Amino acid sequence: ASYDSALQILAHLVRDWSEFGAPVRRNLYDWCRQALRDHCPQYDQHDHHHLAILVPGAGMGRLAFDLATMDGHHVQALEVSVGMAAAASS
């Protein structure tokens, strides 16, 4: 199935925004957030030195959303799939 197919869009929506996708998000997205903390010495959550982050292939935008809302970073989400971008902006 293509990345723009309805099945792929639905699968990404479930993973990123439903309770069913929470285990996958914990395994993948929490790891990404922790890696930023571990590898970016300029990041200090308490001093509000937040990072500027680009999330390529953002899909439904959940990782970008979490980085911005939970961690306070300045985030740009980039998605080249018209179907994914349209569904994410809804």
PDB file of N, CA and C in Angstrom:
ATOM      1  N   ALA A   1       0.850  -1.194   0.000  1.00  0.00           N
ATOM      2  CA  ALA A   1       0.000   0.000   0.000  1.00  0.00           C
ATOM      3  C   ALA A   1       0.887   1.246   0.000  1.00  0.00           C
ATOM      4  N   SER A   2       0.425   2.233  -0.711  1.00  0.00           N
ATOM      5  CA  SER A   2       1.208   3.464  -0.784  1.00  0.00           C
ATOM      6  C   SER A   2       1.069   4.248   0.523  1.00  0.00           C
ATOM      7  N   TYR A   3       2.028   5.120   0.733  1.00  0.00           N
ATOM      8  CA  TYR A   3       2.042   5.941   1.944  1.00  0.00           C
ATOM      9  C   TYR A   3       0.841   6.874   1.998  1.00  0.00           C
ATOM     10  N   ASP A   4       0.267   7.197   0.845  1.00  0.00           N
ATOM     11  CA  ASP A   4      -0.904   8.076   0.766  1.00  0.00           C
ATOM     12  C   ASP A   4      -2.225   7.317   0.822  1.00  0.00           C
ATOM     13  N   SER A   5      -2.186   6.006   0.938  1.00  0.00           N
ATOM     14  CA  SER A   5      -3.429   5.240   0.914  1.00  0.00           C
ATOM     15  C   SER A   5      -4.246   5.493   2.178  1.00  0.00           C
ATOM     16  N   ALA A   6      -5.535   5.269   2.053  1.00  0.00           N
ATOM     17  CA  ALA A   6      -6.432   5.454   3.201  1.00  0.00           C
ATOM     18  C   ALA A   6      -6.031   4.540   4.346  1.00  0.00           C
ATOM     19  N   LEU A   7      -5.577   3.330   4.033  1.00  0.00           N
ATOM     20  CA  LEU A   7      -5.156   2.384   5.063  1.00  0.00           C
ATOM     21  C   LEU A   7      -3.949   2.920   5.844  1.00  0.00           C
ATOM     22  N   GLN A   8      -2.964   3.462   5.151  1.00  0.00           N
ATOM     23  CA  GLN A   8      -1.789   4.022   5.818  1.00  0.00           C
ATOM     24  C   GLN A   8      -2.161   5.241   6.670  1.00  0.00           C
ATOM     25  N   ILE A   9      -3.021   6.081   6.137  1.00  0.00           N
ATOM     26  CA  ILE A   9      -3.445   7.267   6.894  1.00  0.00           C
ATOM     27  C   ILE A   9      -4.168   6.842   8.158  1.00  0.00           C
ATOM     28  N   LEU A  10      -5.061   5.881   8.058  1.00  0.00           N
ATOM     29  CA  LEU A  10      -5.783   5.385   9.225  1.00  0.00           C
ATOM     30  C   LEU A  10      -4.831   4.739  10.236  1.00  0.00           C
ATOM     31  N   ALA A  11      -3.885   3.954   9.749  1.00  0.00           N
ATOM     32  CA  ALA A  11      -2.916   3.317  10.649  1.00  0.00           C
ATOM     33  C   ALA A  11      -2.106   4.365  11.411  1.00  0.00           C
ATOM     34  N   HIS A  12      -1.682   5.421  10.744  1.00  0.00           N
ATOM     35  CA  HIS A  12      -0.931   6.487  11.407  1.00  0.00           C
ATOM     36  C   HIS A  12      -1.801   7.248  12.408  1.00  0.00           C
ATOM     37  N   LEU A  13      -3.056   7.479  12.052  1.00  0.00           N
ATOM     38  CA  LEU A  13      -3.965   8.150  12.990  1.00  0.00           C
ATOM     39  C   LEU A  13      -4.142   7.334  14.264  1.00  0.00           C
ATOM     40  N   VAL A  14      -4.334   6.035  14.102  1.00  0.00           N
ATOM     41  CA  VAL A  14      -4.509   5.165  15.272  1.00  0.00           C
ATOM     42  C   VAL A  14      -3.246   5.159  16.114  1.00  0.00           C
ATOM     43  N   ARG A  15      -2.090   5.004  15.470  1.00  0.00           N
ATOM     44  CA  ARG A  15      -0.833   4.968  16.220  1.00  0.00           C
ATOM     45  C   ARG A  15      -0.589   6.271  16.968  1.00  0.00           C
ATOM     46  N   ASP A  16      -0.797   7.395  16.280  1.00  0.00           N
ATOM     47  CA  ASP A  16      -0.409   8.681  16.848  1.00  0.00           C
ATOM     48  C   ASP A  16      -1.428   9.296  17.792  1.00  0.00           C
ATOM     49  N   TRP A  17      -2.707   9.013  17.622  1.00  0.00           N
ATOM     50  CA  TRP A  17      -3.697   9.781  18.381  1.00  0.00           C
ATOM     51  C   TRP A  17      -4.710   8.952  19.152  1.00  0.00           C
ATOM     52  N   SER A  18      -4.582   7.629  19.163  1.00  0.00           N
ATOM     53  CA  SER A  18      -5.542   6.827  19.921  1.00  0.00           C
ATOM     54  C   SER A  18      -4.849   6.148  21.094  1.00  0.00           C
ATOM     55  N   GLU A  19      -5.666   5.648  21.995  1.00  0.00           N
ATOM     56  CA  GLU A  19      -5.148   4.900  23.140  1.00  0.00           C
ATOM     57  C   GLU A  19      -4.499   3.594  22.680  1.00  0.00           C
ATOM     58  N   PHE A  20      -4.985   3.029  21.569  1.00  0.00           N
ATOM     59  CA  PHE A  20      -4.409   1.791  21.035  1.00  0.00           C
ATOM     60  C   PHE A  20      -2.952   1.973  20.616  1.00  0.00           C
ATOM     61  N   GLY A  21      -2.593   3.181  20.210  1.00  0.00           N
ATOM     62  CA  GLY A  21      -1.234   3.447  19.769  1.00  0.00           C
ATOM     63  C   GLY A  21      -0.278   3.853  20.877  1.00  0.00           C
ATOM     64  N   ALA A  22      -0.789   3.995  22.099  1.00  0.00           N
ATOM     65  CA  ALA A  22       0.046   4.463  23.215  1.00  0.00           C
ATOM     66  C   ALA A  22       1.298   3.607  23.443  1.00  0.00           C
ATOM     67  N   PRO A  23       1.219   2.266  23.401  1.00  0.00           N
ATOM     68  CA  PRO A  23       2.448   1.474  23.608  1.00  0.00           C
ATOM     69  C   PRO A  23       3.510   1.750  22.546  1.00  0.00           C
ATOM     70  N   VAL A  24       3.101   1.908  21.311  1.00  0.00           N
ATOM     71  CA  VAL A  24       4.057   2.198  20.233  1.00  0.00           C
ATOM     72  C   VAL A  24       4.666   3.584  20.452  1.00  0.00           C
ATOM     73  N   ARG A  25       3.832   4.558  20.798  1.00  0.00           N
ATOM     74  CA  ARG A  25       4.352   5.906  21.053  1.00  0.00           C
ATOM     75  C   ARG A  25       5.332   5.907  22.218  1.00  0.00           C
ATOM     76  N   ARG A  26       5.028   5.174  23.269  1.00  0.00           N
ATOM     77  CA  ARG A  26       5.953   5.108  24.409  1.00  0.00           C
ATOM     78  C   ARG A  26       7.299   4.538  23.979  1.00  0.00           C
ATOM     79  N   ASN A  27       7.275   3.473  23.195  1.00  0.00           N
ATOM     80  CA  ASN A  27       8.525   2.839  22.763  1.00  0.00           C
ATOM     81  C   ASN A  27       9.326   3.704  21.811  1.00  0.00           C
ATOM     82  N   LEU A  28       8.668   4.388  20.903  1.00  0.00           N
ATOM     83  CA  LEU A  28       9.373   5.128  19.861  1.00  0.00           C
ATOM     84  C   LEU A  28       9.539   6.603  20.191  1.00  0.00           C
ATOM     85  N   TYR A  29       8.448   7.289  20.460  1.00  0.00           N
ATOM     86  CA  TYR A  29       8.513   8.737  20.637  1.00  0.00           C
ATOM     87  C   TYR A  29       9.178   9.133  21.952  1.00  0.00           C
ATOM     88  N   ASP A  30       8.918   8.379  23.014  1.00  0.00           N
ATOM     89  CA  ASP A  30       9.596   8.693  24.280  1.00  0.00           C
ATOM     90  C   ASP A  30      11.095   8.480  24.147  1.00  0.00           C
ATOM     91  N   TRP A  31      11.490   7.459  23.369  1.00  0.00           N
ATOM     92  CA  TRP A  31      12.909   7.227  23.119  1.00  0.00           C
ATOM     93  C   TRP A  31      13.526   8.424  22.400  1.00  0.00           C
ATOM     94  N   CYS A  32      12.824   8.940  21.390  1.00  0.00           N
ATOM     95  CA  CYS A  32      13.325  10.111  20.648  1.00  0.00           C
ATOM     96  C   CYS A  32      13.471  11.320  21.570  1.00  0.00           C
ATOM     97  N   ARG A  33      12.482  11.548  22.406  1.00  0.00           N
ATOM     98  CA  ARG A  33      12.531  12.694  23.323  1.00  0.00           C
ATOM     99  C   ARG A  33      13.690  12.540  24.314  1.00  0.00           C
ATOM    100  N   GLN A  34      13.899  11.328  24.816  1.00  0.00           N
ATOM    101  CA  GLN A  34      15.001  11.094  25.751  1.00  0.00           C
ATOM    102  C   GLN A  34      16.351  11.245  25.051  1.00  0.00           C
ATOM    103  N   ALA A  35      16.453  10.799  23.809  1.00  0.00           N
ATOM    104  CA  ALA A  35      17.707  10.941  23.062  1.00  0.00           C
ATOM    105  C   ALA A  35      18.072  12.410  22.891  1.00  0.00           C
ATOM    106  N   LEU A  36      17.093  13.260  22.671  1.00  0.00           N
ATOM    107  CA  LEU A  36      17.375  14.698  22.588  1.00  0.00           C
ATOM    108  C   LEU A  36      17.926  15.222  23.913  1.00  0.00           C
ATOM    109  N   ARG A  37      17.319  14.794  25.009  1.00  0.00           N
ATOM    110  CA  ARG A  37      17.810  15.229  26.328  1.00  0.00           C
ATOM    111  C   ARG A  37      19.246  14.751  26.559  1.00  0.00           C
ATOM    112  N   ASP A  38      19.524  13.514  26.154  1.00  0.00           N
ATOM    113  CA  ASP A  38      20.836  12.913  26.407  1.00  0.00           C
ATOM    114  C   ASP A  38      21.933  13.490  25.516  1.00  0.00           C
ATOM    115  N   HIS A  39      21.595  13.872  24.291  1.00  0.00           N
ATOM    116  CA  HIS A  39      22.615  14.230  23.311  1.00  0.00           C
ATOM    117  C   HIS A  39      22.692  15.711  22.968  1.00  0.00           C
ATOM    118  N   CYS A  40      21.887  16.514  23.587  1.00  0.00           N
ATOM    119  CA  CYS A  40      21.900  17.955  23.311  1.00  0.00           C
ATOM    120  C   CYS A  40      22.201  18.707  24.599  1.00  0.00           C
ATOM    121  N   PRO A  41      23.473  18.937  24.867  1.00  0.00           N
ATOM    122  CA  PRO A  41      23.842  19.560  26.145  1.00  0.00           C
ATOM    123  C   PRO A  41      23.280  20.965  26.312  1.00  0.00           C
ATOM    124  N   GLN A  42      22.924  21.637  25.206  1.00  0.00           N
ATOM    125  CA  GLN A  42      22.387  22.986  25.323  1.00  0.00           C
ATOM    126  C   GLN A  42      20.940  22.980  25.804  1.00  0.00           C
ATOM    127  N   TYR A  43      20.302  21.800  25.802  1.00  0.00           N
ATOM    128  CA  TYR A  43      18.908  21.709  26.252  1.00  0.00           C
ATOM    129  C   TYR A  43      18.875  21.621  27.772  1.00  0.00           C
ATOM    130  N   ASP A  44      18.188  22.559  28.373  1.00  0.00           N
ATOM    131  CA  ASP A  44      17.978  22.536  29.821  1.00  0.00           C
ATOM    132  C   ASP A  44      16.522  22.896  30.075  1.00  0.00           C
ATOM    133  N   GLN A  45      15.747  21.902  30.421  1.00  0.00           N
ATOM    134  CA  GLN A  45      14.314  22.100  30.586  1.00  0.00           C
ATOM    135  C   GLN A  45      14.005  23.151  31.640  1.00  0.00           C
ATOM    136  N   HIS A  46      14.823  23.267  32.662  1.00  0.00           N
ATOM    137  CA  HIS A  46      14.542  24.203  33.746  1.00  0.00           C
ATOM    138  C   HIS A  46      14.937  25.635  33.398  1.00  0.00           C
ATOM    139  N   ASP A  47      15.946  25.798  32.567  1.00  0.00           N
ATOM    140  CA  ASP A  47      16.373  27.150  32.168  1.00  0.00           C
ATOM    141  C   ASP A  47      15.686  27.618  30.892  1.00  0.00           C
ATOM    142  N   HIS A  48      14.821  26.785  30.336  1.00  0.00           N
ATOM    143  CA  HIS A  48      14.046  27.133  29.144  1.00  0.00           C
ATOM    144  C   HIS A  48      14.921  27.415  27.927  1.00  0.00           C
ATOM    145  N   HIS A  49      16.049  26.731  27.818  1.00  0.00           N
ATOM    146  CA  HIS A  49      16.858  26.784  26.596  1.00  0.00           C
ATOM    147  C   HIS A  49      16.364  25.666  25.691  1.00  0.00           C
ATOM    148  N   HIS A  50      15.359  25.962  24.908  1.00  0.00           N
ATOM    149  CA  HIS A  50      14.732  24.937  24.093  1.00  0.00           C
ATOM    150  C   HIS A  50      15.373  24.868  22.719  1.00  0.00           C
ATOM    151  N   LEU A  51      15.231  23.728  22.105  1.00  0.00           N
ATOM    152  CA  LEU A  51      15.838  23.475  20.817  1.00  0.00           C
ATOM    153  C   LEU A  51      14.904  23.852  19.671  1.00  0.00           C
ATOM    154  N   ALA A  52      15.482  24.145  18.522  1.00  0.00           N
ATOM    155  CA  ALA A  52      14.733  24.281  17.275  1.00  0.00           C
ATOM    156  C   ALA A  52      14.858  22.943  16.563  1.00  0.00           C
ATOM    157  N   ILE A  53      13.734  22.281  16.319  1.00  0.00           N
ATOM    158  CA  ILE A  53      13.731  20.916  15.807  1.00  0.00           C
ATOM    159  C   ILE A  53      12.895  20.817  14.542  1.00  0.00           C
ATOM    160  N   LEU A  54      13.427  20.118  13.542  1.00  0.00           N
ATOM    161  CA  LEU A  54      12.690  19.782  12.334  1.00  0.00           C
ATOM    162  C   LEU A  54      12.346  18.301  12.406  1.00  0.00           C
ATOM    163  N   VAL A  55      11.082  17.966  12.214  1.00  0.00           N
ATOM    164  CA  VAL A  55      10.652  16.569  12.209  1.00  0.00           C
ATOM    165  C   VAL A  55      10.270  16.209  10.771  1.00  0.00           C
ATOM    166  N   PRO A  56      11.207  15.616  10.007  1.00  0.00           N
ATOM    167  CA  PRO A  56      10.877  15.208   8.635  1.00  0.00           C
ATOM    168  C   PRO A  56      10.024  13.942   8.660  1.00  0.00           C
ATOM    169  N   GLY A  57       9.145  13.804   7.688  1.00  0.00           N
ATOM    170  CA  GLY A  57       8.266  12.631   7.657  1.00  0.00           C
ATOM    171  C   GLY A  57       7.359  12.608   8.869  1.00  0.00           C
ATOM    172  N   ALA A  58       6.767  13.751   9.185  1.00  0.00           N
ATOM    173  CA  ALA A  58       6.032  13.922  10.439  1.00  0.00           C
ATOM    174  C   ALA A  58       4.730  13.138  10.510  1.00  0.00           C
ATOM    175  N   GLY A  59       4.253  12.620   9.394  1.00  0.00           N
ATOM    176  CA  GLY A  59       3.028  11.829   9.420  1.00  0.00           C
ATOM    177  C   GLY A  59       1.863  12.620   9.992  1.00  0.00           C
ATOM    178  N   MET A  60       1.263  12.107  11.046  1.00  0.00           N
ATOM    179  CA  MET A  60       0.119  12.768  11.685  1.00  0.00           C
ATOM    180  C   MET A  60       0.545  13.826  12.698  1.00  0.00           C
ATOM    181  N   GLY A  61       1.851  14.005  12.879  1.00  0.00           N
ATOM    182  CA  GLY A  61       2.353  15.115  13.680  1.00  0.00           C
ATOM    183  C   GLY A  61       2.463  14.890  15.172  1.00  0.00           C
ATOM    184  N   ARG A  62       2.293  13.672  15.644  1.00  0.00           N
ATOM    185  CA  ARG A  62       2.287  13.456  17.093  1.00  0.00           C
ATOM    186  C   ARG A  62       3.651  13.709  17.735  1.00  0.00           C
ATOM    187  N   LEU A  63       4.730  13.235  17.111  1.00  0.00           N
ATOM    188  CA  LEU A  63       6.052  13.480  17.691  1.00  0.00           C
ATOM    189  C   LEU A  63       6.333  14.977  17.752  1.00  0.00           C
ATOM    190  N   ALA A  64       6.034  15.690  16.683  1.00  0.00           N
ATOM    191  CA  ALA A  64       6.236  17.143  16.669  1.00  0.00           C
ATOM    192  C   ALA A  64       5.384  17.815  17.740  1.00  0.00           C
ATOM    193  N   PHE A  65       4.150  17.383  17.876  1.00  0.00           N
ATOM    194  CA  PHE A  65       3.245  17.924  18.883  1.00  0.00           C
ATOM    195  C   PHE A  65       3.804  17.711  20.288  1.00  0.00           C
ATOM    196  N   ASP A  66       4.251  16.489  20.572  1.00  0.00           N
ATOM    197  CA  ASP A  66       4.806  16.192  21.901  1.00  0.00           C
ATOM    198  C   ASP A  66       6.074  16.986  22.184  1.00  0.00           C
ATOM    199  N   LEU A  67       6.939  17.101  21.195  1.00  0.00           N
ATOM    200  CA  LEU A  67       8.169  17.880  21.389  1.00  0.00           C
ATOM    201  C   LEU A  67       7.855  19.334  21.711  1.00  0.00           C
ATOM    202  N   ALA A  68       6.822  19.867  21.082  1.00  0.00           N
ATOM    203  CA  ALA A  68       6.453  21.269  21.323  1.00  0.00           C
ATOM    204  C   ALA A  68       5.689  21.446  22.627  1.00  0.00           C
ATOM    205  N   THR A  69       4.692  20.608  22.876  1.00  0.00           N
ATOM    206  CA  THR A  69       3.825  20.828  24.035  1.00  0.00           C
ATOM    207  C   THR A  69       4.386  20.250  25.330  1.00  0.00           C
ATOM    208  N   MET A  70       5.019  19.102  25.264  1.00  0.00           N
ATOM    209  CA  MET A  70       5.521  18.467  26.483  1.00  0.00           C
ATOM    210  C   MET A  70       6.923  18.964  26.850  1.00  0.00           C
ATOM    211  N   ASP A  71       7.722  19.259  25.828  1.00  0.00           N
ATOM    212  CA  ASP A  71       9.111  19.634  26.085  1.00  0.00           C
ATOM    213  C   ASP A  71       9.394  21.102  25.801  1.00  0.00           C
ATOM    214  N   GLY A  72       8.457  21.803  25.183  1.00  0.00           N
ATOM    215  CA  GLY A  72       8.609  23.236  24.963  1.00  0.00           C
ATOM    216  C   GLY A  72       9.536  23.648  23.842  1.00  0.00           C
ATOM    217  N   HIS A  73       9.871  22.734  22.945  1.00  0.00           N
ATOM    218  CA  HIS A  73      10.770  23.063  21.846  1.00  0.00           C
ATOM    219  C   HIS A  73      10.043  23.839  20.750  1.00  0.00           C
ATOM    220  N   HIS A  74      10.818  24.482  19.909  1.00  0.00           N
ATOM    221  CA  HIS A  74      10.306  25.153  18.714  1.00  0.00           C
ATOM    222  C   HIS A  74      10.395  24.129  17.589  1.00  0.00           C
ATOM    223  N   VAL A  75       9.256  23.681  17.099  1.00  0.00           N
ATOM    224  CA  VAL A  75       9.222  22.527  16.198  1.00  0.00           C
ATOM    225  C   VAL A  75       8.558  22.879  14.870  1.00  0.00           C
ATOM    226  N   GLN A  76       9.155  22.386  13.795  1.00  0.00           N
ATOM    227  CA  GLN A  76       8.565  22.425  12.465  1.00  0.00           C
ATOM    228  C   GLN A  76       8.362  20.983  12.028  1.00  0.00           C
ATOM    229  N   ALA A  77       7.137  20.644  11.642  1.00  0.00           N
ATOM    230  CA  ALA A  77       6.827  19.309  11.133  1.00  0.00           C
ATOM    231  C   ALA A  77       6.756  19.372   9.618  1.00  0.00           C
ATOM    232  N   LEU A  78       7.441  18.455   8.956  1.00  0.00           N
ATOM    233  CA  LEU A  78       7.476  18.426   7.498  1.00  0.00           C
ATOM    234  C   LEU A  78       6.919  17.094   7.019  1.00  0.00           C
ATOM    235  N   GLU A  79       5.894  17.158   6.198  1.00  0.00           N
ATOM    236  CA  GLU A  79       5.304  15.951   5.634  1.00  0.00           C
ATOM    237  C   GLU A  79       5.060  16.176   4.144  1.00  0.00           C
ATOM    238  N   VAL A  80       5.635  15.332   3.298  1.00  0.00           N
ATOM    239  CA  VAL A  80       5.498  15.504   1.855  1.00  0.00           C
ATOM    240  C   VAL A  80       4.276  14.794   1.293  1.00  0.00           C
ATOM    241  N   SER A  81       3.697  13.878   2.044  1.00  0.00           N
ATOM    242  CA  SER A  81       2.505  13.177   1.590  1.00  0.00           C
ATOM    243  C   SER A  81       1.304  14.118   1.731  1.00  0.00           C
ATOM    244  N   VAL A  82       0.668  14.398   0.622  1.00  0.00           N
ATOM    245  CA  VAL A  82      -0.500  15.287   0.631  1.00  0.00           C
ATOM    246  C   VAL A  82      -1.606  14.693   1.499  1.00  0.00           C
ATOM    247  N   GLY A  83      -1.818  13.396   1.392  1.00  0.00           N
ATOM    248  CA  GLY A  83      -2.859  12.744   2.194  1.00  0.00           C
ATOM    249  C   GLY A  83      -2.589  12.833   3.677  1.00  0.00           C
ATOM    250  N   MET A  84      -1.358  12.562   4.070  1.00  0.00           N
ATOM    251  CA  MET A  84      -0.996  12.645   5.499  1.00  0.00           C
ATOM    252  C   MET A  84      -1.111  14.078   6.002  1.00  0.00           C
ATOM    253  N   ALA A  85      -0.590  15.011   5.236  1.00  0.00           N
ATOM    254  CA  ALA A  85      -0.633  16.418   5.651  1.00  0.00           C
ATOM    255  C   ALA A  85      -2.069  16.914   5.774  1.00  0.00           C
ATOM    256  N   ALA A  86      -2.931  16.514   4.836  1.00  0.00           N
ATOM    257  CA  ALA A  86      -4.328  16.927   4.893  1.00  0.00           C
ATOM    258  C   ALA A  86      -5.031  16.329   6.099  1.00  0.00           C
ATOM    259  N   ALA A  87      -4.775  15.059   6.372  1.00  0.00           N
ATOM    260  CA  ALA A  87      -5.402  14.423   7.535  1.00  0.00           C
ATOM    261  C   ALA A  87      -4.874  15.009   8.836  1.00  0.00           C
ATOM    262  N   ALA A  88      -3.590  15.297   8.884  1.00  0.00           N
ATOM    263  CA  ALA A  88      -2.989  15.866  10.102  1.00  0.00           C
ATOM    264  C   ALA A  88      -3.498  17.262  10.393  1.00  0.00           C
ATOM    265  N   SER A  89      -3.824  18.009   9.364  1.00  0.00           N
ATOM    266  CA  SER A  89      -4.259  19.386   9.587  1.00  0.00           C
ATOM    267  C   SER A  89      -5.752  19.469   9.891  1.00  0.00           C
ATOM    268  N   SER A  90      -6.445  18.356   9.832  1.00  0.00           N
ATOM    269  CA  SER A  90      -7.898  18.350  10.087  1.00  0.00           C
ATOM    270  C   SER A  90      -8.199  18.436  11.556  1.00  0.00           C
TER     271      SER A  90
END
